[in-house]
Amino acid sequence: MPEQEPYVLIVYYSRNGQTAELATQISRGVARVSGIEARIRSVPPVAAETTQALRPVPEAGAPYASKAELAQCSALAIGSPTRFGNMAAPLKHFLDSTGDLWLSGALEGKPAGAFTSTGSLHGGQEATLLTMMVPLLHHGMVLCGLPYSDKNLSGTETGGTPYGPSHWAGTGAQQPLSSHEKALCQAFGERLATLALKLAN
């Protein structure tokens, strides 16, 4: 059986499609690096009361992430809209289920980072990215952000932080990703993929 190609796992929760678009742009950055691929996965919503089981595959969008895919990834990017300066409950629920991977050290030494979107420009993007990194640190992962050598980080008038890619969606009609936001997502994906290959050798 041939050895599996290494991959960057991009796991996100998206309510209105903005965080999903960030994930797509990050995957385009991963595609710039030969010898590694991107796998985009989502997580299911959660509810206080459940009346019926969720479909094992969503009707639209990326397939749901599995812990097996998480354990075998070479790098990880997690994404969520901002919820009071923290990740949304569905992504937190998925990460809370990974205690066995923490115990086994399955993710130790692998590069990881976070991305987010908000309705308001100062709606907690950096707080969300920083709090999303805490579980990654517990797993022993190597945090990856965006360096200021990327001129888009200084030029953006919408989203984009040194802690990871972000998007300012607006509180009315949803704004599309800006050219700076797209470029930063792609740079982030390329950086994660490059680090994954370097750390594996």
N, C-alpha and C. Protein backbone atom coordinates (compact mmCIF):
# COMPACT_ATOMS: atom_id res chain seq x y z
N MET A 1 0.85 -1.19 0.00
CA MET A 1 0.00 0.00 0.00
C MET A 1 0.88 1.24 0.00
N PRO A 2 0.68 2.19 -0.96
CA PRO A 2 1.54 3.37 -1.02
C PRO A 2 1.36 4.27 0.20
N GLU A 3 2.44 4.94 0.56
CA GLU A 3 2.39 5.84 1.71
C GLU A 3 1.51 7.04 1.39
N GLN A 4 0.71 7.46 2.35
CA GLN A 4 -0.21 8.57 2.16
C GLN A 4 0.54 9.89 2.05
N GLU A 5 0.10 10.74 1.11
CA GLU A 5 0.71 12.05 0.96
C GLU A 5 0.39 12.90 2.19
N PRO A 6 1.37 13.63 2.71
CA PRO A 6 1.08 14.48 3.87
C PRO A 6 0.04 15.55 3.52
N TYR A 7 -0.69 15.98 4.54
CA TYR A 7 -1.74 16.97 4.28
C TYR A 7 -1.88 17.95 5.44
N VAL A 8 -2.31 19.15 5.06
CA VAL A 8 -2.69 20.18 6.02
C VAL A 8 -4.20 20.04 6.22
N LEU A 9 -4.63 19.78 7.43
CA LEU A 9 -6.05 19.66 7.72
C LEU A 9 -6.59 21.03 8.10
N ILE A 10 -7.59 21.48 7.38
CA ILE A 10 -8.22 22.78 7.62
C ILE A 10 -9.63 22.51 8.13
N VAL A 11 -9.85 22.71 9.42
CA VAL A 11 -11.13 22.40 10.06
C VAL A 11 -11.81 23.70 10.47
N TYR A 12 -13.06 23.87 10.10
CA TYR A 12 -13.75 25.13 10.39
C TYR A 12 -15.22 24.90 10.74
N TYR A 13 -15.77 25.90 11.40
CA TYR A 13 -17.22 26.04 11.54
C TYR A 13 -17.58 27.37 10.91
N SER A 14 -18.63 27.39 10.09
CA SER A 14 -19.04 28.62 9.41
C SER A 14 -20.55 28.74 9.45
N ARG A 15 -21.04 29.88 9.85
CA ARG A 15 -22.49 30.11 9.93
C ARG A 15 -23.03 30.69 8.62
N ASN A 16 -22.32 31.66 8.07
CA ASN A 16 -22.81 32.36 6.87
C ASN A 16 -21.89 32.21 5.66
N GLY A 17 -20.89 31.37 5.76
CA GLY A 17 -20.03 31.11 4.61
C GLY A 17 -18.74 31.89 4.57
N GLN A 18 -18.56 32.86 5.45
CA GLN A 18 -17.35 33.68 5.41
C GLN A 18 -16.12 32.90 5.90
N THR A 19 -16.28 32.17 6.99
CA THR A 19 -15.15 31.38 7.49
C THR A 19 -14.82 30.25 6.53
N ALA A 20 -15.85 29.71 5.88
CA ALA A 20 -15.61 28.67 4.86
C ALA A 20 -14.78 29.21 3.71
N GLU A 21 -15.02 30.46 3.33
CA GLU A 21 -14.25 31.06 2.24
C GLU A 21 -12.80 31.28 2.66
N LEU A 22 -12.58 31.65 3.93
CA LEU A 22 -11.21 31.75 4.43
C LEU A 22 -10.50 30.40 4.30
N ALA A 23 -11.20 29.32 4.64
CA ALA A 23 -10.62 27.99 4.54
C ALA A 23 -10.22 27.67 3.10
N THR A 24 -11.07 28.04 2.15
CA THR A 24 -10.78 27.81 0.74
C THR A 24 -9.52 28.55 0.31
N GLN A 25 -9.38 29.80 0.74
CA GLN A 25 -8.21 30.59 0.38
C GLN A 25 -6.94 30.02 1.02
N ILE A 26 -7.05 29.53 2.26
CA ILE A 26 -5.90 28.90 2.91
C ILE A 26 -5.47 27.67 2.13
N SER A 27 -6.44 26.89 1.65
CA SER A 27 -6.10 25.69 0.88
C SER A 27 -5.37 26.04 -0.41
N ARG A 28 -5.67 27.19 -0.99
CA ARG A 28 -4.97 27.62 -2.20
C ARG A 28 -3.51 27.93 -1.91
N GLY A 29 -3.25 28.42 -0.71
CA GLY A 29 -1.86 28.64 -0.32
C GLY A 29 -1.12 27.34 -0.12
N VAL A 30 -1.80 26.35 0.48
CA VAL A 30 -1.19 25.03 0.66
C VAL A 30 -0.83 24.44 -0.70
N ALA A 31 -1.69 24.66 -1.69
CA ALA A 31 -1.48 24.10 -3.03
C ALA A 31 -0.23 24.63 -3.71
N ARG A 32 0.32 25.73 -3.23
CA ARG A 32 1.56 26.28 -3.80
C ARG A 32 2.78 25.44 -3.45
N VAL A 33 2.65 24.59 -2.44
CA VAL A 33 3.78 23.81 -1.94
C VAL A 33 3.66 22.38 -2.46
N SER A 34 4.69 21.92 -3.14
CA SER A 34 4.65 20.56 -3.69
C SER A 34 4.94 19.54 -2.59
N GLY A 35 4.32 18.37 -2.72
CA GLY A 35 4.55 17.29 -1.77
C GLY A 35 3.61 17.27 -0.59
N ILE A 36 2.61 18.14 -0.60
CA ILE A 36 1.64 18.18 0.50
C ILE A 36 0.33 18.71 -0.06
N GLU A 37 -0.78 18.26 0.50
CA GLU A 37 -2.09 18.70 0.02
C GLU A 37 -2.90 19.29 1.14
N ALA A 38 -4.01 19.93 0.78
CA ALA A 38 -4.94 20.49 1.76
C ALA A 38 -6.18 19.62 1.83
N ARG A 39 -6.69 19.41 3.04
CA ARG A 39 -7.98 18.75 3.24
C ARG A 39 -8.87 19.69 4.03
N ILE A 40 -9.96 20.12 3.43
CA ILE A 40 -10.90 21.02 4.09
C ILE A 40 -12.02 20.20 4.71
N ARG A 41 -12.25 20.44 6.01
CA ARG A 41 -13.31 19.75 6.72
C ARG A 41 -14.08 20.74 7.60
N SER A 42 -15.35 20.45 7.83
CA SER A 42 -16.18 21.27 8.70
C SER A 42 -16.53 20.47 9.96
N VAL A 43 -17.24 21.12 10.86
CA VAL A 43 -17.75 20.43 12.05
C VAL A 43 -19.26 20.67 12.11
N PRO A 44 -20.02 19.72 12.64
CA PRO A 44 -21.48 19.90 12.68
C PRO A 44 -21.89 20.90 13.75
N PRO A 45 -23.06 21.50 13.59
CA PRO A 45 -23.58 22.40 14.64
C PRO A 45 -23.93 21.61 15.89
N VAL A 46 -24.03 22.29 17.00
CA VAL A 46 -24.46 21.66 18.25
C VAL A 46 -25.70 22.39 18.75
N ALA A 47 -26.50 21.69 19.54
CA ALA A 47 -27.72 22.29 20.09
C ALA A 47 -27.93 21.77 21.50
N ALA A 48 -28.62 22.57 22.31
CA ALA A 48 -28.90 22.15 23.68
C ALA A 48 -29.80 20.93 23.71
N GLU A 49 -30.72 20.85 22.75
CA GLU A 49 -31.62 19.70 22.64
C GLU A 49 -31.57 19.17 21.22
N THR A 50 -31.46 17.87 21.08
CA THR A 50 -31.40 17.25 19.76
C THR A 50 -32.65 16.39 19.55
N THR A 51 -33.36 16.64 18.45
CA THR A 51 -34.58 15.88 18.17
C THR A 51 -34.33 14.76 17.18
N GLN A 52 -33.27 14.87 16.39
CA GLN A 52 -32.94 13.80 15.45
C GLN A 52 -31.44 13.80 15.19
N ALA A 53 -30.94 12.66 14.78
CA ALA A 53 -29.50 12.53 14.52
C ALA A 53 -29.12 13.33 13.28
N LEU A 54 -27.90 13.89 13.31
CA LEU A 54 -27.40 14.60 12.14
C LEU A 54 -27.02 13.62 11.05
N ARG A 55 -27.13 14.06 9.81
CA ARG A 55 -26.64 13.26 8.70
C ARG A 55 -25.13 13.10 8.86
N PRO A 56 -24.57 11.93 8.54
CA PRO A 56 -23.12 11.74 8.68
C PRO A 56 -22.31 12.61 7.73
N VAL A 57 -22.94 13.06 6.65
CA VAL A 57 -22.30 13.95 5.68
C VAL A 57 -23.21 15.17 5.51
N PRO A 58 -22.67 16.39 5.61
CA PRO A 58 -23.53 17.57 5.46
C PRO A 58 -24.13 17.67 4.06
N GLU A 59 -25.30 18.31 3.97
CA GLU A 59 -25.96 18.46 2.67
C GLU A 59 -25.16 19.35 1.73
N ALA A 60 -24.43 20.31 2.29
CA ALA A 60 -23.60 21.21 1.48
C ALA A 60 -22.33 21.54 2.24
N GLY A 61 -21.30 21.89 1.50
CA GLY A 61 -20.04 22.27 2.13
C GLY A 61 -19.12 21.09 2.35
N ALA A 62 -18.06 21.35 3.09
CA ALA A 62 -17.03 20.33 3.32
C ALA A 62 -17.54 19.20 4.21
N PRO A 63 -17.01 17.99 4.03
CA PRO A 63 -17.37 16.87 4.92
C PRO A 63 -16.97 17.18 6.36
N TYR A 64 -17.58 16.48 7.29
CA TYR A 64 -17.23 16.66 8.69
C TYR A 64 -15.85 16.06 8.98
N ALA A 65 -15.11 16.72 9.85
CA ALA A 65 -13.79 16.25 10.25
C ALA A 65 -13.91 15.02 11.13
N SER A 66 -12.92 14.15 11.02
CA SER A 66 -12.86 12.99 11.91
C SER A 66 -11.59 13.07 12.75
N LYS A 67 -11.63 12.42 13.90
CA LYS A 67 -10.44 12.41 14.75
C LYS A 67 -9.29 11.65 14.10
N ALA A 68 -9.61 10.67 13.27
CA ALA A 68 -8.57 9.92 12.57
C ALA A 68 -7.81 10.83 11.62
N GLU A 69 -8.53 11.69 10.90
CA GLU A 69 -7.88 12.64 9.99
C GLU A 69 -7.03 13.63 10.78
N LEU A 70 -7.54 14.03 11.93
CA LEU A 70 -6.79 14.97 12.78
C LEU A 70 -5.50 14.32 13.27
N ALA A 71 -5.58 13.09 13.70
CA ALA A 71 -4.40 12.39 14.22
C ALA A 71 -3.32 12.22 13.17
N GLN A 72 -3.71 12.05 11.92
CA GLN A 72 -2.76 11.75 10.86
C GLN A 72 -2.30 12.96 10.07
N CYS A 73 -2.83 14.14 10.37
CA CYS A 73 -2.46 15.33 9.59
C CYS A 73 -1.01 15.72 9.86
N SER A 74 -0.44 16.48 8.92
CA SER A 74 0.93 16.99 9.08
C SER A 74 0.93 18.41 9.64
N ALA A 75 -0.21 19.10 9.51
CA ALA A 75 -0.38 20.45 10.04
C ALA A 75 -1.88 20.69 10.18
N LEU A 76 -2.22 21.68 11.00
CA LEU A 76 -3.63 21.94 11.29
C LEU A 76 -3.93 23.43 11.28
N ALA A 77 -5.04 23.80 10.64
CA ALA A 77 -5.58 25.16 10.73
C ALA A 77 -7.02 25.05 11.19
N ILE A 78 -7.37 25.76 12.26
CA ILE A 78 -8.75 25.73 12.75
C ILE A 78 -9.37 27.11 12.58
N GLY A 79 -10.64 27.13 12.17
CA GLY A 79 -11.30 28.40 11.90
C GLY A 79 -12.70 28.47 12.45
N SER A 80 -13.07 29.65 12.91
CA SER A 80 -14.39 29.85 13.49
C SER A 80 -14.76 31.33 13.46
N PRO A 81 -16.05 31.64 13.34
CA PRO A 81 -16.46 33.02 13.59
C PRO A 81 -16.25 33.35 15.06
N THR A 82 -16.20 34.62 15.37
CA THR A 82 -16.00 35.07 16.74
C THR A 82 -17.28 34.95 17.55
N ARG A 83 -17.14 34.41 18.74
CA ARG A 83 -18.25 34.35 19.70
C ARG A 83 -17.73 34.92 21.02
N PHE A 84 -17.96 36.22 21.23
CA PHE A 84 -17.53 36.88 22.46
C PHE A 84 -16.03 36.69 22.71
N GLY A 85 -15.23 36.84 21.65
CA GLY A 85 -13.78 36.73 21.79
C GLY A 85 -13.29 35.31 21.88
N ASN A 86 -14.12 34.35 21.49
CA ASN A 86 -13.74 32.95 21.56
C ASN A 86 -14.30 32.22 20.35
N MET A 87 -13.91 30.97 20.17
CA MET A 87 -14.43 30.19 19.05
C MET A 87 -15.88 29.81 19.30
N ALA A 88 -16.60 29.50 18.23
CA ALA A 88 -17.98 29.06 18.34
C ALA A 88 -18.05 27.66 18.95
N ALA A 89 -19.18 27.36 19.58
CA ALA A 89 -19.36 26.10 20.31
C ALA A 89 -19.12 24.85 19.45
N PRO A 90 -19.54 24.80 18.17
CA PRO A 90 -19.32 23.57 17.40
C PRO A 90 -17.85 23.19 17.27
N LEU A 91 -16.97 24.17 17.04
CA LEU A 91 -15.55 23.86 16.93
C LEU A 91 -14.99 23.47 18.29
N LYS A 92 -15.41 24.16 19.33
CA LYS A 92 -14.96 23.82 20.69
C LYS A 92 -15.41 22.40 21.05
N HIS A 93 -16.62 22.03 20.66
CA HIS A 93 -17.14 20.69 20.93
C HIS A 93 -16.26 19.63 20.26
N PHE A 94 -15.86 19.90 19.02
CA PHE A 94 -14.99 18.95 18.31
C PHE A 94 -13.65 18.84 19.03
N LEU A 95 -13.04 19.96 19.39
CA LEU A 95 -11.74 19.92 20.06
C LEU A 95 -11.84 19.26 21.43
N ASP A 96 -12.98 19.45 22.10
CA ASP A 96 -13.16 18.82 23.42
C ASP A 96 -13.19 17.30 23.34
N SER A 97 -13.42 16.77 22.14
CA SER A 97 -13.50 15.31 21.98
C SER A 97 -12.14 14.68 21.71
N THR A 98 -11.07 15.49 21.73
CA THR A 98 -9.76 14.99 21.30
C THR A 98 -8.82 14.65 22.47
N GLY A 99 -9.40 14.37 23.62
CA GLY A 99 -8.58 14.05 24.80
C GLY A 99 -7.69 12.83 24.58
N ASP A 100 -8.18 11.85 23.82
CA ASP A 100 -7.36 10.66 23.57
C ASP A 100 -6.15 10.99 22.71
N LEU A 101 -6.30 11.94 21.77
CA LEU A 101 -5.16 12.36 20.95
C LEU A 101 -4.14 13.12 21.80
N TRP A 102 -4.64 13.88 22.76
CA TRP A 102 -3.76 14.60 23.70
C TRP A 102 -2.96 13.59 24.53
N LEU A 103 -3.65 12.57 25.04
CA LEU A 103 -2.97 11.57 25.86
C LEU A 103 -1.90 10.81 25.08
N SER A 104 -2.16 10.54 23.81
CA SER A 104 -1.21 9.78 22.99
C SER A 104 -0.12 10.66 22.38
N GLY A 105 -0.30 11.99 22.43
CA GLY A 105 0.69 12.89 21.84
C GLY A 105 0.66 12.90 20.32
N ALA A 106 -0.49 12.56 19.74
CA ALA A 106 -0.60 12.42 18.29
C ALA A 106 -0.29 13.70 17.52
N LEU A 107 -0.53 14.86 18.15
CA LEU A 107 -0.35 16.13 17.43
C LEU A 107 0.92 16.87 17.84
N GLU A 108 1.69 16.30 18.74
CA GLU A 108 2.89 17.00 19.22
C GLU A 108 3.88 17.28 18.09
N GLY A 109 4.42 18.50 18.09
CA GLY A 109 5.45 18.88 17.13
C GLY A 109 4.95 19.27 15.75
N LYS A 110 3.63 19.26 15.55
CA LYS A 110 3.08 19.62 14.24
C LYS A 110 2.68 21.09 14.24
N PRO A 111 2.89 21.81 13.11
CA PRO A 111 2.51 23.22 13.07
C PRO A 111 1.00 23.40 13.02
N ALA A 112 0.53 24.47 13.64
CA ALA A 112 -0.90 24.73 13.68
C ALA A 112 -1.16 26.22 13.82
N GLY A 113 -2.33 26.65 13.39
CA GLY A 113 -2.72 28.04 13.53
C GLY A 113 -4.23 28.18 13.43
N ALA A 114 -4.69 29.43 13.51
CA ALA A 114 -6.13 29.68 13.57
C ALA A 114 -6.52 30.82 12.64
N PHE A 115 -7.80 30.82 12.25
CA PHE A 115 -8.34 31.91 11.43
C PHE A 115 -9.78 32.19 11.87
N THR A 116 -10.25 33.41 11.62
CA THR A 116 -11.56 33.81 12.13
C THR A 116 -12.20 34.89 11.27
N SER A 117 -13.48 35.14 11.52
CA SER A 117 -14.19 36.23 10.87
C SER A 117 -15.13 36.88 11.89
N THR A 118 -15.37 38.17 11.69
CA THR A 118 -16.26 38.91 12.59
C THR A 118 -17.17 39.83 11.79
N GLY A 119 -18.30 40.21 12.41
CA GLY A 119 -19.20 41.15 11.78
C GLY A 119 -18.69 42.58 11.90
N SER A 120 -18.11 42.91 13.03
CA SER A 120 -17.59 44.26 13.23
C SER A 120 -16.07 44.25 13.16
N LEU A 121 -15.49 45.37 12.77
CA LEU A 121 -14.05 45.45 12.54
C LEU A 121 -13.26 45.17 13.81
N HIS A 122 -13.75 45.66 14.95
CA HIS A 122 -13.06 45.45 16.22
C HIS A 122 -13.89 44.50 17.09
N GLY A 123 -14.35 43.42 16.50
CA GLY A 123 -15.27 42.51 17.17
C GLY A 123 -14.61 41.33 17.86
N GLY A 124 -13.32 41.44 18.16
CA GLY A 124 -12.66 40.38 18.93
C GLY A 124 -11.86 39.39 18.10
N GLN A 125 -11.43 39.80 16.91
CA GLN A 125 -10.67 38.89 16.06
C GLN A 125 -9.42 38.36 16.76
N GLU A 126 -8.60 39.25 17.28
CA GLU A 126 -7.33 38.81 17.87
C GLU A 126 -7.56 38.01 19.14
N ALA A 127 -8.56 38.39 19.95
CA ALA A 127 -8.87 37.62 21.15
C ALA A 127 -9.31 36.21 20.77
N THR A 128 -10.10 36.10 19.72
CA THR A 128 -10.56 34.79 19.26
C THR A 128 -9.40 33.93 18.80
N LEU A 129 -8.51 34.52 18.00
CA LEU A 129 -7.36 33.76 17.50
C LEU A 129 -6.48 33.29 18.66
N LEU A 130 -6.25 34.15 19.62
CA LEU A 130 -5.39 33.78 20.76
C LEU A 130 -6.03 32.69 21.61
N THR A 131 -7.32 32.79 21.87
CA THR A 131 -7.97 31.76 22.68
C THR A 131 -8.08 30.44 21.92
N MET A 132 -8.18 30.50 20.60
CA MET A 132 -8.21 29.27 19.80
C MET A 132 -6.87 28.54 19.84
N MET A 133 -5.81 29.27 20.14
CA MET A 133 -4.49 28.65 20.18
C MET A 133 -4.25 27.84 21.46
N VAL A 134 -5.03 28.10 22.50
CA VAL A 134 -4.80 27.42 23.78
C VAL A 134 -4.92 25.89 23.65
N PRO A 135 -5.97 25.34 23.02
CA PRO A 135 -6.01 23.89 22.86
C PRO A 135 -4.85 23.35 22.01
N LEU A 136 -4.40 24.14 21.05
CA LEU A 136 -3.28 23.72 20.21
C LEU A 136 -2.00 23.59 21.05
N LEU A 137 -1.82 24.51 21.98
CA LEU A 137 -0.67 24.44 22.88
C LEU A 137 -0.76 23.21 23.78
N HIS A 138 -1.96 22.91 24.26
CA HIS A 138 -2.13 21.73 25.11
C HIS A 138 -1.77 20.46 24.35
N HIS A 139 -2.01 20.45 23.05
CA HIS A 139 -1.67 19.29 22.23
C HIS A 139 -0.19 19.26 21.86
N GLY A 140 0.57 20.26 22.27
CA GLY A 140 2.00 20.28 21.97
C GLY A 140 2.33 20.69 20.55
N MET A 141 1.40 21.41 19.91
CA MET A 141 1.62 21.83 18.53
C MET A 141 2.50 23.08 18.47
N VAL A 142 3.07 23.33 17.31
CA VAL A 142 3.95 24.48 17.10
C VAL A 142 3.12 25.57 16.43
N LEU A 143 2.94 26.70 17.12
CA LEU A 143 2.05 27.74 16.62
C LEU A 143 2.64 28.49 15.42
N CYS A 144 1.78 28.78 14.48
CA CYS A 144 2.16 29.47 13.25
C CYS A 144 1.24 30.67 13.05
N GLY A 145 1.83 31.83 12.80
CA GLY A 145 1.06 33.04 12.51
C GLY A 145 1.51 33.63 11.19
N LEU A 146 1.40 34.94 11.08
CA LEU A 146 1.79 35.65 9.86
C LEU A 146 2.84 36.70 10.20
N PRO A 147 4.01 36.66 9.58
CA PRO A 147 5.06 37.64 9.87
C PRO A 147 4.82 38.97 9.14
N TYR A 148 5.34 40.05 9.70
CA TYR A 148 5.18 41.37 9.09
C TYR A 148 6.03 41.56 7.84
N SER A 149 6.85 40.57 7.51
CA SER A 149 7.55 40.64 6.22
C SER A 149 6.55 40.54 5.07
N ASP A 150 5.34 40.06 5.34
CA ASP A 150 4.27 40.05 4.35
C ASP A 150 3.64 41.44 4.35
N LYS A 151 3.84 42.19 3.28
CA LYS A 151 3.38 43.59 3.20
C LYS A 151 1.88 43.72 3.30
N ASN A 152 1.13 42.66 2.98
CA ASN A 152 -0.32 42.72 3.08
C ASN A 152 -0.79 42.92 4.52
N LEU A 153 0.03 42.49 5.47
CA LEU A 153 -0.33 42.64 6.87
C LEU A 153 -0.34 44.10 7.29
N SER A 154 0.56 44.89 6.73
CA SER A 154 0.59 46.32 7.03
C SER A 154 -0.36 47.11 6.15
N GLY A 155 -0.70 46.56 4.98
CA GLY A 155 -1.54 47.29 4.04
C GLY A 155 -3.02 47.07 4.18
N THR A 156 -3.43 46.01 4.88
CA THR A 156 -4.86 45.70 4.94
C THR A 156 -5.66 46.77 5.68
N GLU A 157 -6.84 47.05 5.18
CA GLU A 157 -7.77 47.96 5.85
C GLU A 157 -9.01 47.19 6.32
N THR A 158 -8.96 45.87 6.22
CA THR A 158 -10.07 45.03 6.68
C THR A 158 -9.52 44.03 7.69
N GLY A 159 -9.51 42.73 7.37
CA GLY A 159 -9.00 41.73 8.29
C GLY A 159 -7.53 41.42 8.04
N GLY A 160 -6.99 40.56 8.91
CA GLY A 160 -5.59 40.16 8.79
C GLY A 160 -4.82 40.57 10.03
N THR A 161 -4.25 39.59 10.73
CA THR A 161 -3.50 39.88 11.96
C THR A 161 -2.23 39.02 11.99
N PRO A 162 -1.26 39.39 12.81
CA PRO A 162 -0.07 38.54 12.93
C PRO A 162 -0.38 37.21 13.61
N TYR A 163 -1.53 37.11 14.27
CA TYR A 163 -1.92 35.88 14.95
C TYR A 163 -2.60 34.89 14.02
N GLY A 164 -2.94 35.34 12.81
CA GLY A 164 -3.58 34.46 11.83
C GLY A 164 -4.51 35.25 10.93
N PRO A 165 -4.95 34.64 9.83
CA PRO A 165 -5.85 35.32 8.90
C PRO A 165 -7.20 35.63 9.54
N SER A 166 -7.82 36.70 9.08
CA SER A 166 -9.15 37.04 9.56
C SER A 166 -9.90 37.83 8.49
N HIS A 167 -11.21 37.94 8.67
CA HIS A 167 -12.06 38.63 7.70
C HIS A 167 -13.05 39.51 8.44
N TRP A 168 -13.22 40.72 7.93
CA TRP A 168 -14.25 41.63 8.43
C TRP A 168 -15.46 41.48 7.50
N ALA A 169 -16.49 40.80 7.99
CA ALA A 169 -17.65 40.47 7.15
C ALA A 169 -18.68 41.58 7.06
N GLY A 170 -18.69 42.48 8.04
CA GLY A 170 -19.71 43.54 8.06
C GLY A 170 -20.97 43.06 8.78
N THR A 171 -21.75 44.01 9.26
CA THR A 171 -22.95 43.67 10.02
C THR A 171 -24.22 43.72 9.17
N GLY A 172 -24.11 44.26 7.97
CA GLY A 172 -25.25 44.27 7.06
C GLY A 172 -25.08 43.19 6.02
N ALA A 173 -25.04 43.60 4.76
CA ALA A 173 -24.76 42.64 3.69
C ALA A 173 -23.33 42.13 3.87
N GLN A 174 -23.16 40.83 3.74
CA GLN A 174 -21.85 40.21 3.95
C GLN A 174 -20.84 40.70 2.91
N GLN A 175 -19.73 41.24 3.39
CA GLN A 175 -18.69 41.71 2.50
C GLN A 175 -17.84 40.54 2.01
N PRO A 176 -17.49 40.54 0.73
CA PRO A 176 -16.58 39.49 0.25
C PRO A 176 -15.18 39.71 0.82
N LEU A 177 -14.35 38.69 0.77
CA LEU A 177 -12.97 38.83 1.23
C LEU A 177 -12.25 39.86 0.38
N SER A 178 -11.48 40.71 1.03
CA SER A 178 -10.69 41.70 0.31
C SER A 178 -9.46 41.03 -0.31
N SER A 179 -8.81 41.74 -1.21
CA SER A 179 -7.60 41.18 -1.84
C SER A 179 -6.51 40.94 -0.80
N HIS A 180 -6.41 41.83 0.21
CA HIS A 180 -5.43 41.64 1.28
C HIS A 180 -5.76 40.40 2.10
N GLU A 181 -7.03 40.23 2.44
CA GLU A 181 -7.43 39.08 3.23
C GLU A 181 -7.14 37.76 2.49
N LYS A 182 -7.44 37.73 1.20
CA LYS A 182 -7.16 36.54 0.40
C LYS A 182 -5.67 36.25 0.37
N ALA A 183 -4.88 37.28 0.14
CA ALA A 183 -3.42 37.10 0.06
C ALA A 183 -2.85 36.59 1.38
N LEU A 184 -3.36 37.10 2.49
CA LEU A 184 -2.88 36.66 3.80
C LEU A 184 -3.29 35.22 4.09
N CYS A 185 -4.49 34.85 3.70
CA CYS A 185 -4.91 33.45 3.85
C CYS A 185 -3.99 32.52 3.07
N GLN A 186 -3.70 32.90 1.84
CA GLN A 186 -2.86 32.05 1.00
C GLN A 186 -1.43 31.98 1.54
N ALA A 187 -0.92 33.10 2.04
CA ALA A 187 0.42 33.10 2.64
C ALA A 187 0.46 32.21 3.88
N PHE A 188 -0.62 32.24 4.64
CA PHE A 188 -0.72 31.41 5.84
C PHE A 188 -0.74 29.92 5.49
N GLY A 189 -1.52 29.56 4.48
CA GLY A 189 -1.56 28.17 4.04
C GLY A 189 -0.22 27.69 3.53
N GLU A 190 0.44 28.55 2.75
CA GLU A 190 1.77 28.19 2.24
C GLU A 190 2.77 28.02 3.38
N ARG A 191 2.70 28.89 4.36
CA ARG A 191 3.63 28.83 5.49
C ARG A 191 3.40 27.56 6.32
N LEU A 192 2.15 27.23 6.58
CA LEU A 192 1.83 26.01 7.33
C LEU A 192 2.36 24.77 6.60
N ALA A 193 2.12 24.72 5.28
CA ALA A 193 2.55 23.56 4.50
C ALA A 193 4.07 23.45 4.48
N THR A 194 4.76 24.56 4.32
CA THR A 194 6.23 24.56 4.29
C THR A 194 6.79 24.11 5.64
N LEU A 195 6.23 24.64 6.72
CA LEU A 195 6.68 24.24 8.06
C LEU A 195 6.43 22.76 8.32
N ALA A 196 5.28 22.27 7.84
CA ALA A 196 4.95 20.85 8.05
C ALA A 196 6.00 19.95 7.43
N LEU A 197 6.41 20.28 6.21
CA LEU A 197 7.42 19.46 5.54
C LEU A 197 8.77 19.57 6.22
N LYS A 198 9.12 20.76 6.67
CA LYS A 198 10.41 20.95 7.35
C LYS A 198 10.45 20.21 8.69
N LEU A 199 9.37 20.29 9.44
CA LEU A 199 9.35 19.65 10.76
C LEU A 199 9.27 18.13 10.66
N ALA A 200 8.78 17.62 9.53
CA ALA A 200 8.69 16.19 9.35
C ALA A 200 10.04 15.56 9.03
N ASN A 201 11.01 16.41 8.61
CA ASN A 201 12.33 15.88 8.19
C ASN A 201 13.38 16.04 9.26
